């Protein structure tokens, strides 16, 4: 597993959302149940 993946998973486990945001690509997009969310800040918006 790439180190960046390990770092993201570790930050998620620790609920370190500022680190997660920095590690995710800015143009990340997520699709779930036909709804598409684009951008790392929107994807993590409900986190402190």
PDB file of N, CA and C in Angstrom:
ATOM      1  N   UNK A   1       0.850  -1.166   0.000  1.00  0.00           N
ATOM      2  CA  UNK A   1       0.000   0.000   0.000  1.00  0.00           C
ATOM      3  C   UNK A   1       0.900   1.235   0.000  1.00  0.00           C
ATOM      4  N   UNK A   2       0.543   2.223  -0.811  1.00  0.00           N
ATOM      5  CA  UNK A   2       1.322   3.463  -0.870  1.00  0.00           C
ATOM      6  C   UNK A   2       1.302   4.170   0.480  1.00  0.00           C
ATOM      7  N   UNK A   3       2.370   4.889   0.775  1.00  0.00           N
ATOM      8  CA  UNK A   3       2.480   5.585   2.065  1.00  0.00           C
ATOM      9  C   UNK A   3       1.383   6.631   2.236  1.00  0.00           C
ATOM     10  N   UNK A   4       1.020   7.311   1.168  1.00  0.00           N
ATOM     11  CA  UNK A   4      -0.026   8.332   1.302  1.00  0.00           C
ATOM     12  C   UNK A   4      -1.357   7.706   1.711  1.00  0.00           C
ATOM     13  N   UNK A   5      -1.644   6.515   1.218  1.00  0.00           N
ATOM     14  CA  UNK A   5      -2.875   5.808   1.615  1.00  0.00           C
ATOM     15  C   UNK A   5      -2.813   5.463   3.093  1.00  0.00           C
ATOM     16  N   UNK A   6      -1.674   4.964   3.531  1.00  0.00           N
ATOM     17  CA  UNK A   6      -1.476   4.640   4.941  1.00  0.00           C
ATOM     18  C   UNK A   6      -1.666   5.898   5.795  1.00  0.00           C
ATOM     19  N   UNK A   7      -1.112   7.016   5.336  1.00  0.00           N
ATOM     20  CA  UNK A   7      -1.224   8.278   6.072  1.00  0.00           C
ATOM     21  C   UNK A   7      -2.672   8.760   6.156  1.00  0.00           C
ATOM     22  N   UNK A   8      -3.414   8.645   5.053  1.00  0.00           N
ATOM     23  CA  UNK A   8      -4.824   9.053   5.053  1.00  0.00           C
ATOM     24  C   UNK A   8      -5.624   8.173   6.001  1.00  0.00           C
ATOM     25  N   UNK A   9      -5.448   6.870   5.915  1.00  0.00           N
ATOM     26  CA  UNK A   9      -6.189   5.967   6.787  1.00  0.00           C
ATOM     27  C   UNK A   9      -5.862   6.213   8.258  1.00  0.00           C
ATOM     28  N   UNK A  10      -4.612   6.491   8.545  1.00  0.00           N
ATOM     29  CA  UNK A  10      -4.206   6.801   9.916  1.00  0.00           C
ATOM     30  C   UNK A  10      -4.875   8.090  10.393  1.00  0.00           C
ATOM     31  N   UNK A  11      -4.887   9.109   9.565  1.00  0.00           N
ATOM     32  CA  UNK A  11      -5.502  10.389   9.931  1.00  0.00           C
ATOM     33  C   UNK A  11      -7.010  10.232  10.129  1.00  0.00           C
ATOM     34  N   UNK A  12      -7.655   9.435   9.292  1.00  0.00           N
ATOM     35  CA  UNK A  12      -9.094   9.180   9.446  1.00  0.00           C
ATOM     36  C   UNK A  12      -9.349   8.464  10.770  1.00  0.00           C
ATOM     37  N   UNK A  13      -8.543   7.471  11.060  1.00  0.00           N
ATOM     38  CA  UNK A  13      -8.707   6.733  12.314  1.00  0.00           C
ATOM     39  C   UNK A  13      -8.567   7.653  13.523  1.00  0.00           C
ATOM     40  N   UNK A  14      -7.643   8.607  13.439  1.00  0.00           N
ATOM     41  CA  UNK A  14      -7.426   9.560  14.533  1.00  0.00           C
ATOM     42  C   UNK A  14      -8.407  10.735  14.479  1.00  0.00           C
ATOM     43  N   UNK A  15      -9.244  10.759  13.438  1.00  0.00           N
ATOM     44  CA  UNK A  15     -10.192  11.846  13.189  1.00  0.00           C
ATOM     45  C   UNK A  15      -9.482  13.198  13.077  1.00  0.00           C
ATOM     46  N   UNK A  16      -8.321  13.170  12.427  1.00  0.00           N
ATOM     47  CA  UNK A  16      -7.530  14.378  12.176  1.00  0.00           C
ATOM     48  C   UNK A  16      -7.914  14.902  10.796  1.00  0.00           C
ATOM     49  N   UNK A  17      -9.054  15.590  10.736  1.00  0.00           N
ATOM     50  CA  UNK A  17      -9.647  15.975   9.452  1.00  0.00           C
ATOM     51  C   UNK A  17      -8.829  17.026   8.707  1.00  0.00           C
ATOM     52  N   UNK A  18      -8.101  17.872   9.414  1.00  0.00           N
ATOM     53  CA  UNK A  18      -7.265  18.857   8.705  1.00  0.00           C
ATOM     54  C   UNK A  18      -6.149  18.148   7.934  1.00  0.00           C
ATOM     55  N   UNK A  19      -5.588  17.093   8.503  1.00  0.00           N
ATOM     56  CA  UNK A  19      -4.558  16.322   7.802  1.00  0.00           C
ATOM     57  C   UNK A  19      -5.167  15.558   6.639  1.00  0.00           C
ATOM     58  N   UNK A  20      -6.351  14.983   6.860  1.00  0.00           N
ATOM     59  CA  UNK A  20      -7.028  14.268   5.768  1.00  0.00           C
ATOM     60  C   UNK A  20      -7.218  15.206   4.584  1.00  0.00           C
ATOM     61  N   UNK A  21      -7.714  16.418   4.836  1.00  0.00           N
ATOM     62  CA  UNK A  21      -7.944  17.384   3.747  1.00  0.00           C
ATOM     63  C   UNK A  21      -6.659  17.686   2.983  1.00  0.00           C
ATOM     64  N   UNK A  22      -5.567  17.827   3.712  1.00  0.00           N
ATOM     65  CA  UNK A  22      -4.288  18.127   3.053  1.00  0.00           C
ATOM     66  C   UNK A  22      -3.780  16.959   2.202  1.00  0.00           C
ATOM     67  N   UNK A  23      -4.085  15.744   2.619  1.00  0.00           N
ATOM     68  CA  UNK A  23      -3.581  14.568   1.910  1.00  0.00           C
ATOM     69  C   UNK A  23      -4.418  14.194   0.691  1.00  0.00           C
ATOM     70  N   UNK A  24      -5.708  14.558   0.700  1.00  0.00           N
ATOM     71  CA  UNK A  24      -6.581  14.218  -0.425  1.00  0.00           C
ATOM     72  C   UNK A  24      -6.334  15.156  -1.594  1.00  0.00           C
ATOM     73  N   UNK A  25      -6.497  14.650  -2.784  1.00  0.00           N
ATOM     74  CA  UNK A  25      -6.343  15.462  -3.990  1.00  0.00           C
ATOM     75  C   UNK A  25      -7.450  16.517  -4.033  1.00  0.00           C
ATOM     76  N   UNK A  26      -7.134  17.767  -4.401  1.00  0.00           N
ATOM     77  CA  UNK A  26      -8.142  18.835  -4.415  1.00  0.00           C
ATOM     78  C   UNK A  26      -9.330  18.562  -5.334  1.00  0.00           C
ATOM     79  N   UNK A  27      -9.136  17.793  -6.389  1.00  0.00           N
ATOM     80  CA  UNK A  27     -10.221  17.537  -7.349  1.00  0.00           C
ATOM     81  C   UNK A  27     -10.889  16.184  -7.138  1.00  0.00           C
ATOM     82  N   UNK A  28     -10.699  15.612  -5.963  1.00  0.00           N
ATOM     83  CA  UNK A  28     -11.317  14.337  -5.633  1.00  0.00           C
ATOM     84  C   UNK A  28     -12.828  14.423  -5.817  1.00  0.00           C
ATOM     85  N   UNK A  29     -13.427  13.359  -6.317  1.00  0.00           N
ATOM     86  CA  UNK A  29     -14.895  13.315  -6.373  1.00  0.00           C
ATOM     87  C   UNK A  29     -15.386  11.976  -5.855  1.00  0.00           C
ATOM     88  N   UNK A  30     -16.567  12.014  -5.260  1.00  0.00           N
ATOM     89  CA  UNK A  30     -17.164  10.852  -4.614  1.00  0.00           C
ATOM     90  C   UNK A  30     -18.560  10.684  -5.160  1.00  0.00           C
ATOM     91  N   UNK A  31     -18.917   9.472  -5.536  1.00  0.00           N
ATOM     92  CA  UNK A  31     -20.262   9.175  -6.036  1.00  0.00           C
ATOM     93  C   UNK A  31     -20.886   8.112  -5.144  1.00  0.00           C
ATOM     94  N   UNK A  32     -22.074   8.428  -4.651  1.00  0.00           N
ATOM     95  CA  UNK A  32     -22.783   7.476  -3.818  1.00  0.00           C
ATOM     96  C   UNK A  32     -24.278   7.644  -4.060  1.00  0.00           C
ATOM     97  N   UNK A  33     -24.934   6.552  -4.366  1.00  0.00           N
ATOM     98  CA  UNK A  33     -26.379   6.553  -4.622  1.00  0.00           C
ATOM     99  C   UNK A  33     -26.766   7.571  -5.699  1.00  0.00           C
ATOM    100  N   UNK A  34     -25.918   7.703  -6.717  1.00  0.00           N
ATOM    101  CA  UNK A  34     -26.203   8.600  -7.830  1.00  0.00           C
ATOM    102  C   UNK A  34     -25.903  10.061  -7.563  1.00  0.00           C
ATOM    103  N   UNK A  35     -25.417  10.382  -6.372  1.00  0.00           N
ATOM    104  CA  UNK A  35     -25.067  11.763  -6.023  1.00  0.00           C
ATOM    105  C   UNK A  35     -23.556  11.911  -6.102  1.00  0.00           C
ATOM    106  N   UNK A  36     -23.098  12.939  -6.825  1.00  0.00           N
ATOM    107  CA  UNK A  36     -21.670  13.183  -6.985  1.00  0.00           C
ATOM    108  C   UNK A  36     -21.288  14.421  -6.181  1.00  0.00           C
ATOM    109  N   UNK A  37     -20.252  14.280  -5.352  1.00  0.00           N
ATOM    110  CA  UNK A  37     -19.690  15.402  -4.599  1.00  0.00           C
ATOM    111  C   UNK A  37     -18.272  15.589  -5.104  1.00  0.00           C
ATOM    112  N   UNK A  38     -17.928  16.817  -5.446  1.00  0.00           N
ATOM    113  CA  UNK A  38     -16.600  17.101  -5.998  1.00  0.00           C
ATOM    114  C   UNK A  38     -15.828  18.058  -5.099  1.00  0.00           C
ATOM    115  N   UNK A  39     -14.565  17.737  -4.890  1.00  0.00           N
ATOM    116  CA  UNK A  39     -13.678  18.588  -4.108  1.00  0.00           C
ATOM    117  C   UNK A  39     -13.486  18.076  -2.693  1.00  0.00           C
ATOM    118  N   UNK A  40     -12.226  18.032  -2.254  1.00  0.00           N
ATOM    119  CA  UNK A  40     -11.938  17.470  -0.927  1.00  0.00           C
ATOM    120  C   UNK A  40     -12.602  18.235   0.199  1.00  0.00           C
ATOM    121  N   UNK A  41     -12.760  19.556   0.069  1.00  0.00           N
ATOM    122  CA  UNK A  41     -13.389  20.309   1.151  1.00  0.00           C
ATOM    123  C   UNK A  41     -14.884  20.019   1.240  1.00  0.00           C
ATOM    124  N   UNK A  42     -15.530  19.775   0.116  1.00  0.00           N
ATOM    125  CA  UNK A  42     -16.949  19.427   0.139  1.00  0.00           C
ATOM    126  C   UNK A  42     -17.154  18.019   0.676  1.00  0.00           C
ATOM    127  N   UNK A  43     -16.249  17.117   0.320  1.00  0.00           N
ATOM    128  CA  UNK A  43     -16.360  15.734   0.772  1.00  0.00           C
ATOM    129  C   UNK A  43     -16.186  15.647   2.286  1.00  0.00           C
ATOM    130  N   UNK A  44     -15.332  16.485   2.839  1.00  0.00           N
ATOM    131  CA  UNK A  44     -15.080  16.465   4.287  1.00  0.00           C
ATOM    132  C   UNK A  44     -15.800  17.598   5.013  1.00  0.00           C
ATOM    133  N   UNK A  45     -16.785  18.218   4.387  1.00  0.00           N
ATOM    134  CA  UNK A  45     -17.448  19.411   4.947  1.00  0.00           C
ATOM    135  C   UNK A  45     -18.137  19.162   6.275  1.00  0.00           C
ATOM    136  N   UNK A  46     -18.621  17.978   6.527  1.00  0.00           N
ATOM    137  CA  UNK A  46     -19.337  17.736   7.775  1.00  0.00           C
ATOM    138  C   UNK A  46     -18.400  17.343   8.906  1.00  0.00           C
ATOM    139  N   UNK A  47     -17.105  17.489   8.682  1.00  0.00           N
ATOM    140  CA  UNK A  47     -16.096  17.201   9.707  1.00  0.00           C
ATOM    141  C   UNK A  47     -15.535  18.516  10.227  1.00  0.00           C
ATOM    142  N   UNK A  48     -15.180  18.543  11.509  1.00  0.00           N
ATOM    143  CA  UNK A  48     -14.617  19.800  12.088  1.00  0.00           C
ATOM    144  C   UNK A  48     -13.306  20.205  11.471  1.00  0.00           C
TER     145      UNK A  48
END
